[in-house]
Protein backbone atom coordinates (compact mmCIF):
# COMPACT_ATOMS: atom_id res chain seq x y z
CA MET A 1 0.67 21.00 -12.98
CA ASP A 2 1.44 24.73 -13.11
CA GLN A 3 0.92 25.06 -9.35
CA ALA A 4 3.71 22.71 -8.47
CA ARG A 5 6.08 25.01 -10.65
CA ALA A 6 4.55 28.06 -9.42
CA ARG A 7 4.82 27.21 -5.55
CA TYR A 8 8.19 25.97 -5.53
CA ALA A 9 10.18 27.55 -2.70
CA ASP A 10 7.27 29.63 -1.61
CA GLY A 11 7.86 28.87 2.13
CA SER A 12 5.02 26.66 2.80
CA ALA A 13 5.23 24.94 6.19
CA ARG A 14 8.99 25.79 6.56
CA LEU A 15 10.73 24.66 9.61
CA SER A 16 14.45 25.48 10.46
CA PRO A 17 17.30 23.05 9.93
CA ASP A 18 17.53 22.62 13.80
CA GLN A 19 13.96 21.91 14.38
CA ALA A 20 14.07 19.14 11.44
CA ALA A 21 17.28 17.58 13.04
CA VAL A 22 15.78 17.39 16.54
CA ALA A 23 12.58 15.77 14.83
CA VAL A 24 14.80 13.07 13.21
CA SER A 25 16.64 12.41 16.71
CA VAL A 26 13.33 12.26 18.67
CA PHE A 27 12.02 9.75 15.97
CA GLY A 28 14.89 7.57 16.56
CA VAL A 29 14.56 7.37 20.25
CA ALA A 30 10.58 6.83 20.01
CA VAL A 31 10.82 3.94 17.59
CA GLY A 32 14.21 2.36 18.38
CA PHE A 33 16.05 2.65 15.11
CA GLU A 34 17.64 5.62 13.23
CA LEU A 35 16.61 6.76 9.67
CA ALA A 36 18.95 5.87 7.26
CA ALA A 37 20.83 8.60 5.22
CA GLU A 38 18.55 8.69 2.42
CA GLN A 39 15.51 8.88 4.69
CA ARG A 40 16.94 11.62 6.71
CA ARG A 41 17.80 13.80 3.39
CA VAL A 42 13.99 13.34 2.53
CA VAL A 43 12.76 14.47 5.85
CA GLU A 44 15.14 17.49 5.82
CA ARG A 45 13.77 18.41 2.52
CA LEU A 46 10.14 18.08 3.25
CA LEU A 47 10.44 20.02 6.64
CA THR A 48 12.75 22.83 5.65
CA ALA A 49 12.62 23.31 1.82
CA GLY A 50 9.17 25.10 1.97
CA HIS A 51 7.91 23.90 -1.45
CA GLY A 52 4.27 24.48 -1.91
CA GLY A 53 4.04 21.10 -3.84
CA ASP A 54 6.71 18.40 -3.29
CA ALA A 55 7.12 14.82 -4.34
CA VAL A 56 8.88 11.76 -3.06
CA ILE A 57 9.29 8.46 -5.16
CA GLY A 58 9.83 5.41 -2.91
CA VAL A 59 10.59 1.80 -4.06
CA ALA A 60 8.51 -0.80 -2.35
CA GLY A 61 9.83 -1.23 1.11
CA SER A 62 11.83 2.00 1.37
CA GLY A 63 10.20 3.16 4.54
CA LYS A 64 8.12 5.86 3.42
CA THR A 65 5.74 5.68 6.42
CA SER A 66 8.67 5.88 8.76
CA LEU A 67 9.77 9.00 7.31
CA MET A 68 6.41 10.49 7.47
CA GLU A 69 6.24 9.77 11.13
CA ALA A 70 9.37 11.93 11.58
CA CYS A 71 7.82 14.67 9.68
CA ARG A 72 4.67 14.48 11.89
CA ILE A 73 6.94 14.84 14.87
CA GLY A 74 8.40 17.92 13.59
CA TRP A 75 4.97 19.36 12.78
CA ASP A 76 3.68 18.45 16.24
CA ALA A 77 6.38 20.55 17.78
CA THR A 78 6.18 23.59 15.78
CA GLY A 79 2.57 24.01 14.81
CA PRO A 80 1.62 23.36 11.26
CA THR A 81 -1.65 21.60 10.87
CA TYR A 82 -1.39 18.39 8.75
CA ALA A 83 -3.62 15.47 7.64
CA GLY A 84 -3.35 12.59 4.98
CA ALA A 85 -5.11 11.44 1.90
CA SER A 86 -5.38 7.78 0.53
CA LEU A 87 -7.46 6.13 -2.25
CA SER A 88 -8.94 3.76 0.28
CA ALA A 89 -10.19 3.74 3.74
CA ILE A 90 -7.94 0.87 4.89
CA ALA A 91 -5.03 2.82 3.18
CA ALA A 92 -5.91 5.76 5.11
CA GLN A 93 -5.95 3.87 8.28
CA ASN A 94 -2.71 2.17 7.40
CA LEU A 95 -1.00 5.60 7.19
CA GLN A 96 -2.75 6.88 10.11
CA GLU A 97 -1.58 4.07 12.20
CA GLY A 98 1.98 3.98 10.86
CA SER A 99 2.83 7.72 11.01
CA GLY A 100 0.33 9.25 13.42
CA ILE A 101 -0.97 11.46 10.47
CA PRO A 102 -4.93 11.60 10.67
CA CYS A 103 -6.08 10.52 7.00
CA ARG A 104 -9.11 10.29 4.96
CA THR A 105 -9.96 9.12 1.58
CA ILE A 106 -9.21 11.12 -1.25
CA ALA A 107 -12.85 11.04 -2.34
CA ALA A 108 -13.91 12.65 1.17
CA TRP A 109 -11.09 15.39 0.57
CA LEU A 110 -12.79 16.06 -2.92
CA GLN A 111 -16.23 16.04 -1.54
CA CYS A 112 -14.91 18.62 1.06
CA ILE A 113 -13.57 20.82 -1.80
CA HIS A 114 -16.99 20.49 -3.79
CA ASP A 115 -19.00 21.52 -0.66
CA GLY A 116 -17.00 24.51 -0.08
CA ALA A 117 -14.74 23.83 3.05
CA GLY A 118 -11.95 22.57 0.94
CA LEU A 119 -8.65 22.60 2.77
CA ALA A 120 -8.98 25.72 4.55
CA GLY A 121 -7.14 25.64 7.86
CA LEU A 122 -4.69 22.95 6.82
CA ASP A 123 -1.08 23.53 6.32
CA VAL A 124 0.15 20.16 4.97
CA LEU A 125 -1.69 17.34 3.12
CA VAL A 126 0.24 14.12 2.43
CA LEU A 127 -1.11 12.33 -0.57
CA ASP A 128 -0.20 8.73 -0.19
CA GLU A 129 0.13 6.19 -3.05
CA ALA A 130 -0.04 9.27 -5.25
CA ALA A 131 1.03 7.43 -8.43
CA MET A 132 -2.48 5.74 -8.07
CA THR A 133 -4.27 9.07 -8.13
CA ASP A 134 -5.67 9.96 -11.40
CA ASP A 135 -5.00 13.21 -12.95
CA ARG A 136 -8.18 14.85 -12.50
CA SER A 137 -8.13 14.21 -8.79
CA MET A 138 -4.68 15.63 -8.55
CA ALA A 139 -5.38 18.70 -10.43
CA VAL A 140 -8.47 19.55 -8.01
CA LEU A 141 -6.12 18.97 -4.94
CA LEU A 142 -3.29 20.88 -6.28
CA THR A 143 -5.54 23.90 -7.38
CA GLU A 144 -7.18 23.99 -4.08
CA ALA A 145 -4.11 23.77 -2.13
CA ALA A 146 -2.77 26.63 -4.21
CA ARG A 147 -5.89 28.61 -3.08
CA THR A 148 -5.53 27.78 0.66
CA GLY A 149 -1.83 27.89 0.93
CA THR A 150 -1.67 24.19 1.89
CA LYS A 151 1.50 22.15 1.22
CA ILE A 152 1.01 19.09 -0.81
CA ILE A 153 3.52 16.35 -0.29
CA ALA A 154 2.93 13.51 -2.87
CA ILE A 155 4.42 10.19 -2.12
CA GLY A 156 4.23 7.14 -4.22
CA ASP A 157 6.08 5.02 -7.11
CA PRO A 158 5.23 5.12 -10.73
CA GLN A 159 6.54 1.46 -11.14
CA GLN A 160 3.69 0.29 -9.03
CA LEU A 161 0.11 0.06 -9.59
CA GLN A 162 -1.15 2.71 -11.84
CA ALA A 163 -4.19 5.05 -11.87
CA ILE A 164 -7.56 4.07 -12.93
CA GLY A 165 -8.17 6.70 -15.70
CA PRO A 166 -5.72 9.41 -17.04
CA GLY A 167 -2.41 9.06 -15.01
CA GLY A 168 1.23 10.18 -14.98
CA GLY A 169 0.39 13.55 -12.82
CA PHE A 170 2.39 12.17 -9.81
CA ALA A 171 5.63 11.47 -12.01
CA GLU A 172 5.36 14.77 -13.67
CA VAL A 173 5.03 16.69 -10.37
CA HIS A 174 8.16 14.70 -9.25
CA ARG A 175 10.11 15.69 -12.37
CA LEU A 176 9.13 19.37 -12.26
CA VAL A 177 9.97 20.02 -8.59
CA SER A 178 13.17 17.70 -8.97
CA GLY A 179 11.69 15.61 -5.88
CA GLU A 180 13.74 13.21 -3.80
CA THR A 181 13.86 9.38 -4.37
CA LEU A 182 14.15 6.57 -1.65
CA ALA A 183 15.99 3.99 -3.49
CA VAL A 184 16.93 1.31 -0.83
CA ASP A 185 14.69 -1.61 -0.13
CA ARG A 186 14.31 -2.20 3.51
CA ARG A 187 11.80 -4.98 3.32
CA GLN A 188 13.15 -7.74 1.59
CA ARG A 189 15.52 -9.85 3.87
CA ASP A 190 16.79 -12.19 1.20
CA ALA A 191 19.74 -10.53 -0.50
CA GLY A 192 18.87 -12.39 -3.89
CA GLU A 193 15.35 -10.91 -3.95
CA ARG A 194 16.63 -7.54 -3.17
CA ALA A 195 19.14 -7.88 -5.97
CA ALA A 196 16.43 -8.88 -8.53
CA LEU A 197 14.16 -6.00 -7.49
CA GLN A 198 16.97 -3.56 -7.83
CA VAL A 199 17.46 -4.75 -11.48
CA TRP A 200 13.72 -4.73 -12.13
CA ARG A 201 13.71 -0.97 -11.54
CA THR A 202 16.31 -0.36 -14.21
CA GLY A 203 13.81 -1.76 -16.73
CA ALA A 204 15.71 -5.15 -17.24
CA ARG A 205 12.55 -7.02 -16.10
CA ASP A 206 13.77 -10.26 -17.90
CA GLN A 207 16.99 -10.10 -15.99
CA ALA A 208 15.05 -9.55 -12.86
CA LEU A 209 12.58 -12.48 -13.26
CA ASN A 210 15.65 -14.98 -14.07
CA LEU A 211 17.20 -13.75 -10.91
CA PHE A 212 13.92 -14.51 -9.01
CA ALA A 213 14.05 -17.87 -11.00
CA ASP A 214 17.50 -18.54 -9.90
CA ARG A 215 16.57 -18.30 -6.19
CA GLY A 216 13.75 -20.92 -6.83
CA ARG A 217 10.97 -18.16 -6.48
CA ILE A 218 9.32 -18.85 -9.87
CA HIS A 219 7.28 -21.88 -10.29
CA ALA A 220 6.23 -23.10 -13.82
CA THR A 221 3.34 -25.25 -14.55
CA ASP A 222 1.85 -26.36 -17.75
CA SER A 223 -1.93 -25.46 -17.16
CA ALA A 224 -3.57 -22.48 -15.07
CA ASP A 225 -5.35 -25.10 -13.00
CA ASP A 226 -1.81 -26.65 -12.03
CA ALA A 227 -0.68 -23.21 -11.21
CA ARG A 228 -3.43 -22.52 -8.83
CA ARG A 229 -3.19 -26.21 -7.34
CA GLY A 230 0.51 -25.31 -6.62
CA ILE A 231 -0.23 -22.21 -4.97
CA LEU A 232 -2.80 -23.93 -2.58
CA THR A 233 -0.54 -26.59 -1.85
CA ALA A 234 2.30 -24.20 -0.92
CA TRP A 235 -0.26 -22.12 1.10
CA ASN A 236 -1.59 -25.15 2.77
CA GLN A 237 2.08 -26.29 3.86
CA THR A 238 2.96 -22.78 4.79
CA ARG A 239 0.25 -22.01 7.14
CA THR A 240 0.94 -24.83 9.37
CA ARG A 241 3.69 -22.46 10.90
CA TYR A 242 1.05 -20.47 12.53
CA ASP A 243 -1.15 -21.75 15.28
CA ASP A 244 -3.19 -18.71 15.50
CA ALA A 245 -5.30 -17.45 12.54
CA HIS A 246 -4.52 -13.88 12.73
CA ASP A 247 -0.80 -14.78 12.87
CA MET A 248 -1.53 -16.54 9.81
CA LEU A 249 -3.25 -13.46 8.01
CA ASP A 250 -0.18 -11.27 9.37
CA ASN A 251 2.30 -13.40 7.86
CA LEU A 252 0.90 -15.25 4.64
CA VAL A 253 -0.85 -13.82 1.74
CA VAL A 254 -2.24 -15.24 -1.58
CA LEU A 255 -2.38 -12.83 -4.40
CA ALA A 256 -3.74 -12.68 -8.14
CA ALA A 257 -4.24 -9.90 -10.37
CA ARG A 258 -7.67 -10.71 -11.37
CA ASN A 259 -10.84 -10.92 -9.17
CA HIS A 260 -11.82 -14.20 -11.02
CA ASP A 261 -8.49 -15.81 -10.13
CA ALA A 262 -8.56 -14.55 -6.56
CA ALA A 263 -12.03 -16.09 -6.06
CA LEU A 264 -10.95 -19.51 -7.50
CA LEU A 265 -8.08 -19.54 -5.05
CA ASN A 266 -10.35 -18.46 -2.08
CA THR A 267 -12.69 -21.37 -3.00
CA GLY A 268 -9.76 -23.77 -3.08
CA ALA A 269 -8.47 -22.63 0.32
CA GLN A 270 -11.72 -22.97 1.89
CA ALA A 271 -12.39 -26.39 0.51
CA LEU A 272 -8.85 -27.51 2.07
CA ARG A 273 -9.84 -26.46 5.30
CA ARG A 274 -13.31 -27.91 5.15
CA ALA A 275 -11.83 -31.26 4.32
CA ALA A 276 -9.44 -30.89 7.11
CA GLY A 277 -12.31 -30.36 9.63
CA GLU A 278 -11.18 -26.81 10.57
CA LEU A 279 -14.50 -25.15 9.78
CA GLY A 280 -17.60 -25.04 11.91
CA ARG A 281 -21.31 -23.95 11.59
CA ALA A 282 -21.83 -22.68 8.01
CA HIS A 283 -24.57 -20.64 6.09
CA ARG A 284 -25.05 -20.10 2.42
CA TYR A 285 -25.80 -16.42 1.69
CA ALA A 286 -27.49 -15.51 -1.91
CA LEU A 287 -25.75 -12.86 -3.66
CA PRO A 288 -26.83 -10.31 -6.40
CA GLY A 289 -26.58 -12.08 -9.96
CA GLY A 290 -27.26 -15.70 -8.65
CA ASP A 291 -24.10 -16.03 -7.04
CA ALA A 292 -23.66 -17.39 -3.50
CA LEU A 293 -21.21 -17.10 -0.68
CA THR A 294 -20.82 -19.84 1.97
CA LEU A 295 -19.21 -18.77 5.15
CA ALA A 296 -18.27 -20.96 8.17
CA VAL A 297 -17.03 -20.35 11.52
CA GLY A 298 -13.31 -20.14 11.21
CA ASP A 299 -13.14 -18.84 7.62
CA VAL A 300 -10.89 -16.06 6.66
CA VAL A 301 -12.88 -13.22 5.04
CA ARG A 302 -12.30 -9.74 3.65
CA VAL A 303 -14.58 -6.81 4.29
CA ARG A 304 -15.61 -5.26 1.15
CA ALA A 305 -17.69 -2.11 2.25
CA ASN A 306 -16.81 0.59 4.76
CA ASP A 307 -18.97 0.78 7.74
CA TYR A 308 -18.18 3.86 9.83
CA ARG A 309 -19.86 2.63 12.99
CA SER A 310 -17.79 4.87 15.27
CA ARG A 311 -19.64 7.92 13.83
CA ARG A 312 -22.92 6.50 14.95
CA GLY A 313 -21.55 5.37 18.14
CA THR A 314 -22.34 1.72 17.46
CA GLY A 315 -18.97 0.03 17.71
CA PRO A 316 -15.55 0.08 15.82
CA ASP A 317 -15.38 1.09 12.19
CA VAL A 318 -15.60 -1.87 9.88
CA LEU A 319 -13.40 -0.84 6.79
CA ASN A 320 -13.13 -2.30 3.12
CA GLY A 321 -9.92 -4.12 3.15
CA TYR A 322 -9.93 -5.37 6.57
CA ARG A 323 -9.12 -9.39 6.75
CA ALA A 324 -10.76 -11.00 9.50
CA VAL A 325 -11.89 -14.32 10.89
CA VAL A 326 -15.53 -15.59 11.15
CA THR A 327 -15.81 -16.34 14.89
CA ASP A 328 -19.78 -16.92 15.13
CA ILE A 329 -22.67 -17.41 12.90
CA ALA A 330 -25.97 -16.67 14.85
CA ASP A 331 -29.23 -18.61 14.56
CA ASP A 332 -30.60 -15.51 12.56
CA HIS A 333 -27.44 -15.79 10.24
CA ARG A 334 -25.75 -12.81 11.18
CA ALA A 335 -21.94 -13.30 11.25
CA GLN A 336 -19.44 -12.06 13.81
CA ILE A 337 -16.01 -11.12 12.48
CA THR A 338 -12.89 -10.70 14.51
CA TRP A 339 -9.90 -8.74 13.13
CA ARG A 340 -6.54 -7.63 14.39
CA ARG A 341 -4.74 -4.21 14.16
CA LYS A 342 -1.70 -2.67 15.75
CA ASN A 343 -1.55 0.33 17.81
CA SER A 344 0.77 3.02 17.23
CA ASP A 345 3.07 1.44 19.96
CA GLY A 346 3.30 -1.77 17.71
CA LYS A 347 1.13 -3.71 20.31
CA ALA A 348 -1.72 -5.75 18.64
CA ARG A 349 -5.32 -5.27 19.50
CA THR A 350 -8.37 -7.21 18.30
CA ALA A 351 -11.96 -6.02 17.53
CA GLN A 352 -15.25 -7.63 16.64
CA ALA A 353 -18.40 -6.85 14.73
CA TRP A 354 -21.60 -8.59 13.90
CA LEU A 355 -22.76 -8.09 10.30
CA SER A 356 -26.34 -8.84 9.12
CA PRO A 357 -27.47 -11.17 6.54
CA GLY A 358 -28.65 -8.05 4.58
CA GLN A 359 -25.09 -6.70 4.62
CA ILE A 360 -23.40 -9.91 3.68
CA THR A 361 -25.97 -10.60 0.81
CA ALA A 362 -25.08 -7.03 -0.49
CA GLY A 363 -21.44 -7.97 -0.89
CA ALA A 364 -19.85 -6.56 2.46
CA LEU A 365 -17.97 -9.74 2.79
CA SER A 366 -15.92 -12.09 0.71
CA LEU A 367 -13.71 -14.95 1.35
CA GLY A 368 -10.25 -13.47 2.44
CA TYR A 369 -7.59 -16.36 1.90
CA ALA A 370 -6.66 -14.68 -1.40
CA MET A 371 -7.00 -11.07 -2.68
CA THR A 372 -6.06 -9.13 -5.65
CA ILE A 373 -2.69 -7.45 -5.79
CA ALA A 374 -4.45 -4.16 -6.09
CA ALA A 375 -6.15 -5.04 -2.73
CA SER A 376 -2.84 -5.60 -1.19
CA GLN A 377 -1.28 -2.31 -1.75
CA GLY A 378 0.40 -1.16 1.23
CA LEU A 379 0.53 -4.62 3.04
CA THR A 380 3.62 -6.13 4.42
CA THR A 381 3.83 -9.98 5.21
CA ASP A 382 6.11 -12.60 5.64
CA THR A 383 5.47 -14.92 2.68
CA ALA A 384 3.57 -14.14 -0.38
CA LEU A 385 2.14 -16.52 -3.10
CA VAL A 386 1.52 -14.73 -6.51
CA TYR A 387 -0.39 -16.04 -9.48
CA GLY A 388 1.24 -14.15 -12.27
CA LEU A 389 -1.35 -14.78 -15.11
CA GLY A 390 -3.14 -11.51 -15.91
CA ALA A 391 -0.59 -9.21 -14.06
CA ASN A 392 1.10 -6.40 -16.04
CA ALA A 393 4.40 -5.11 -14.94
CA TYR A 394 2.82 -2.47 -12.69
CA ALA A 395 0.87 -5.05 -10.91
CA LEU A 396 3.38 -7.79 -10.75
CA TYR A 397 6.21 -5.53 -9.07
CA PRO A 398 3.87 -4.74 -5.91
CA GLY A 399 2.73 -8.43 -6.07
CA ILE A 400 6.45 -9.59 -5.60
CA THR A 401 7.33 -7.22 -3.00
CA ARG A 402 4.86 -7.72 -0.46
CA ALA A 403 6.71 -10.23 1.57
CA ARG A 404 9.81 -9.61 3.79
CA THR A 405 11.25 -13.48 3.70
CA ALA A 406 9.94 -15.03 0.50
CA ASN A 407 8.01 -13.83 -2.72
CA HIS A 408 6.80 -16.81 -4.95
CA LEU A 409 5.24 -16.60 -8.38
CA TRP A 410 3.54 -19.11 -10.40
CA LEU A 411 3.39 -19.10 -14.03
CA PRO A 412 1.27 -21.27 -16.40
CA ALA A 413 3.13 -21.76 -19.51
CA ALA A 414 0.13 -23.01 -21.70
CA ALA A 415 -2.01 -19.87 -20.89
CA LEU A 416 0.96 -17.58 -21.46
CA GLU A 417 2.22 -18.88 -24.81
CA ASP A 418 0.35 -18.04 -28.13
CA PRO A 419 -0.98 -20.95 -29.97
CA GLU A 420 1.50 -20.76 -32.70
CA THR A 421 4.32 -21.02 -30.45
CA ARG A 422 2.83 -23.92 -28.61
CA ALA A 423 1.97 -25.69 -31.87
CA ARG A 424 5.59 -25.02 -33.16
CA LEU A 425 7.55 -26.22 -29.99
CA GLY A 426 5.09 -28.90 -28.74
CA GLU A 427 4.83 -29.88 -25.10
CA PRO A 428 7.92 -28.92 -22.89
CA ARG A 429 9.98 -31.98 -22.47
CA ASP A 430 11.19 -31.28 -18.81
CA GLU A 431 10.74 -28.94 -15.99
CA THR A 432 13.79 -26.74 -17.06
CA GLU A 433 12.24 -26.26 -20.82
CA LEU A 434 8.78 -25.56 -18.97
CA LEU A 435 10.39 -22.67 -16.73
CA ASP A 436 12.44 -21.22 -19.74
CA ARG A 437 9.25 -21.27 -21.93
CA ALA A 438 6.84 -19.68 -19.22
CA LEU A 439 9.40 -17.22 -18.36
CA GLU A 440 10.08 -16.07 -22.14
CA ALA A 441 6.28 -15.95 -22.72
CA TYR A 442 5.73 -13.95 -19.71
CA ILE A 443 8.52 -11.33 -20.34
CA ALA A 444 7.27 -10.99 -23.87
CA LEU A 445 3.75 -9.75 -22.38
CA LEU A 446 5.82 -7.47 -19.80
CA ARG A 447 7.62 -5.54 -22.61
CA GLN A 448 4.35 -4.24 -23.91
CA ASP A 449 3.60 -2.66 -20.72
CA ARG A 450 4.26 1.47 -20.62
CA ALA A 451 4.17 3.73 -17.60
CA ASP A 452 1.64 6.28 -17.42
CA ALA A 453 2.39 9.75 -19.18
CA MET A 454 0.72 13.16 -19.24
CA VAL A 455 -1.59 13.58 -22.04
CA SER A 456 -0.52 16.98 -22.52
CA ASP A 457 3.00 15.84 -23.47
CA GLN A 458 1.22 14.67 -26.75
CA PHE A 459 0.51 18.21 -27.66
CA ARG A 460 3.50 20.33 -26.26
CA ALA A 461 6.98 19.83 -25.17
CA ALA A 462 7.20 19.15 -21.45
CA PRO A 463 8.16 22.09 -19.40
CA GLU A 464 11.58 22.16 -17.73
CA PRO A 465 11.98 21.27 -14.14
CA VAL A 466 12.58 24.28 -11.55
CA ALA A 467 15.61 22.90 -10.04
CA PRO A 468 18.32 20.54 -10.90
CA ALA A 469 17.81 16.86 -9.78
CA PRO A 470 19.12 16.16 -6.35
CA GLN A 471 22.38 13.96 -6.42
CA VAL A 472 21.78 10.70 -4.75
CA ALA A 473 24.68 8.97 -3.12
CA ASP A 474 25.24 5.21 -2.74
CA GLU A 475 24.07 3.96 0.56
CA PRO A 476 24.93 0.76 2.26
CA ALA A 477 22.10 -1.76 3.05
CA TYR A 478 19.84 -0.92 5.69
CA LEU A 479 20.47 -2.27 9.23
CA PRO A 480 18.20 -1.12 12.17
CA LYS A 481 19.82 -0.18 15.40
CA ILE A 482 18.71 1.56 18.44
CA ALA A 483 19.47 5.30 18.23
CA PRO A 484 21.27 6.86 21.24
CA PRO A 485 19.44 9.26 23.48
CA ALA A 486 18.59 12.53 21.83
CA PRO A 487 20.25 15.81 23.34
CA ALA A 488 17.64 17.91 25.29
CA SER A 489 16.29 20.48 23.03
CA ALA A 490 13.85 23.45 23.55
CA VAL A 491 12.76 22.91 19.96
CA ILE A 492 11.16 19.48 20.51
CA THR A 493 10.39 18.14 24.04
CA ARG A 494 8.43 14.95 23.51
CA VAL A 495 6.80 12.55 21.18
CA ILE A 496 3.09 13.05 21.16
CA PRO A 497 1.38 9.70 21.96
CA SER A 498 -1.40 8.67 19.73
CA SER A 499 -3.92 9.18 22.37
CA GLU A 500 -2.98 12.90 22.55
CA ARG A 501 -2.09 13.54 19.00
CA ARG A 502 -3.20 16.84 17.38
CA VAL A 503 -2.94 18.43 14.10
CA GLY A 504 0.23 20.43 14.40
CA GLY A 505 -0.25 21.06 18.19
CA VAL A 506 -3.68 22.54 17.50
CA CYS A 507 -6.89 20.66 18.09
CA LEU A 508 -8.16 19.08 14.86
CA GLY A 509 -11.51 20.99 15.47
CA ARG A 510 -10.20 23.84 13.65
CA VAL A 511 -10.13 21.68 10.45
CA GLN A 512 -13.70 20.62 9.61
CA CYS A 513 -15.33 19.31 6.59
CA GLY A 514 -19.18 18.64 6.40
CA GLY A 515 -19.46 18.78 10.06
CA LEU A 516 -16.93 15.96 10.62
CA LEU A 517 -13.59 16.36 12.38
CA LEU A 518 -10.32 15.05 11.23
CA LEU A 519 -9.90 13.07 14.36
CA PRO A 520 -7.62 9.77 14.51
CA HIS A 521 -9.52 6.66 15.01
CA ALA A 522 -9.78 5.14 18.49
């Protein structure tokens, strides 16, 4: 992490305070609400401080994508080239659609570096969900950025899903450069949930879960089967609010920590719909290892493999993570899926694609009524139904922050309690005792979880930050409002629509990697 310290205040991609202020003003006019005070503070630092490496911690629902759109407006007007990096293709597209920043996967950027093109010609690289980036990948990106003079902006949350492999690098960069923090939750509409999540972040997870329980958000059952049945019952009732399948996908999600539990919930949801006569023509596809997948017209599915069809001129990209509806099954067993995404202006668009039987049997699709918490990272919905067994603290927190209106958690007491405790206390006598014991057992498991830390800290004292930590003032709850018209300015004259977006006002053709241009998706 020496690059982060060495490049502090090196002048990378620095805008003037006036240019940053106008970017914030134009953002408010374009999207219809003003950035909150802490968001403005972060945008001003990212645009004007000129740090070669910077980091922002943002709690779930703090509006990280919004502030990056404001930064993009500033870069568009003043010239720096920019791009984004995310762990998955769907996360990359989410960042691109939400902020206007063209984005690729971290794996693609690492391949660029390996092939020699690297980050040459790129002034700013935004690293999204940076806490999930392993330290080896982080080190490669930081080293290459130092070579090319590219500013790295890492955005993430150490209290959410952790890296697969050695982690802790993002939190260390944030500490070394005394990065900013977005502390206000702007997603949860329920004051009780917001309060509970704020308590969670202090480390008092037991108090936070008890606050959730007081709001009726935690449901204790005796067995794991009972918990899954409870989730499916709630899902079956809640989905009746939505006449359109895509509306249901946008507003309702079922989550579990483990693939096995997500698969059981998917099978149960499909069975409920089949029993209700809601599914049409079906076909059973053989999968590797002797498993099988039955799909029917009307089923909800999740794409599990990237297919970049736009590069071949054969249709829209079908990306790993899309949730879609099966709208046809042909006589040759090809399956047509239809999905819905939002344009940069917030309007919905639908797209379709046919998948061959070979693609499906190779694992390109799975049922999509339920998904893992890891797969839901970056998703915002209206109601989330979460199966808690198997989720550690860093999976549970993103799971219970996905929904704006209500996040519900199911806990199976018998599966959480150790056999000795179960034998000593016997069967719970009533629902109150059942809930208390499920919470107690779950909290005991969560206390064992520890945040990622730098391996190097085991061998030497951690280096001192290069600057004092910023002072964060208390901020009132977020209330969106329409921004007043911005004054005319020669610094920024208009917002660049998605159809015209360039990298820093310069055609993206100047930033190439392996012959591919960093162009936004159509």
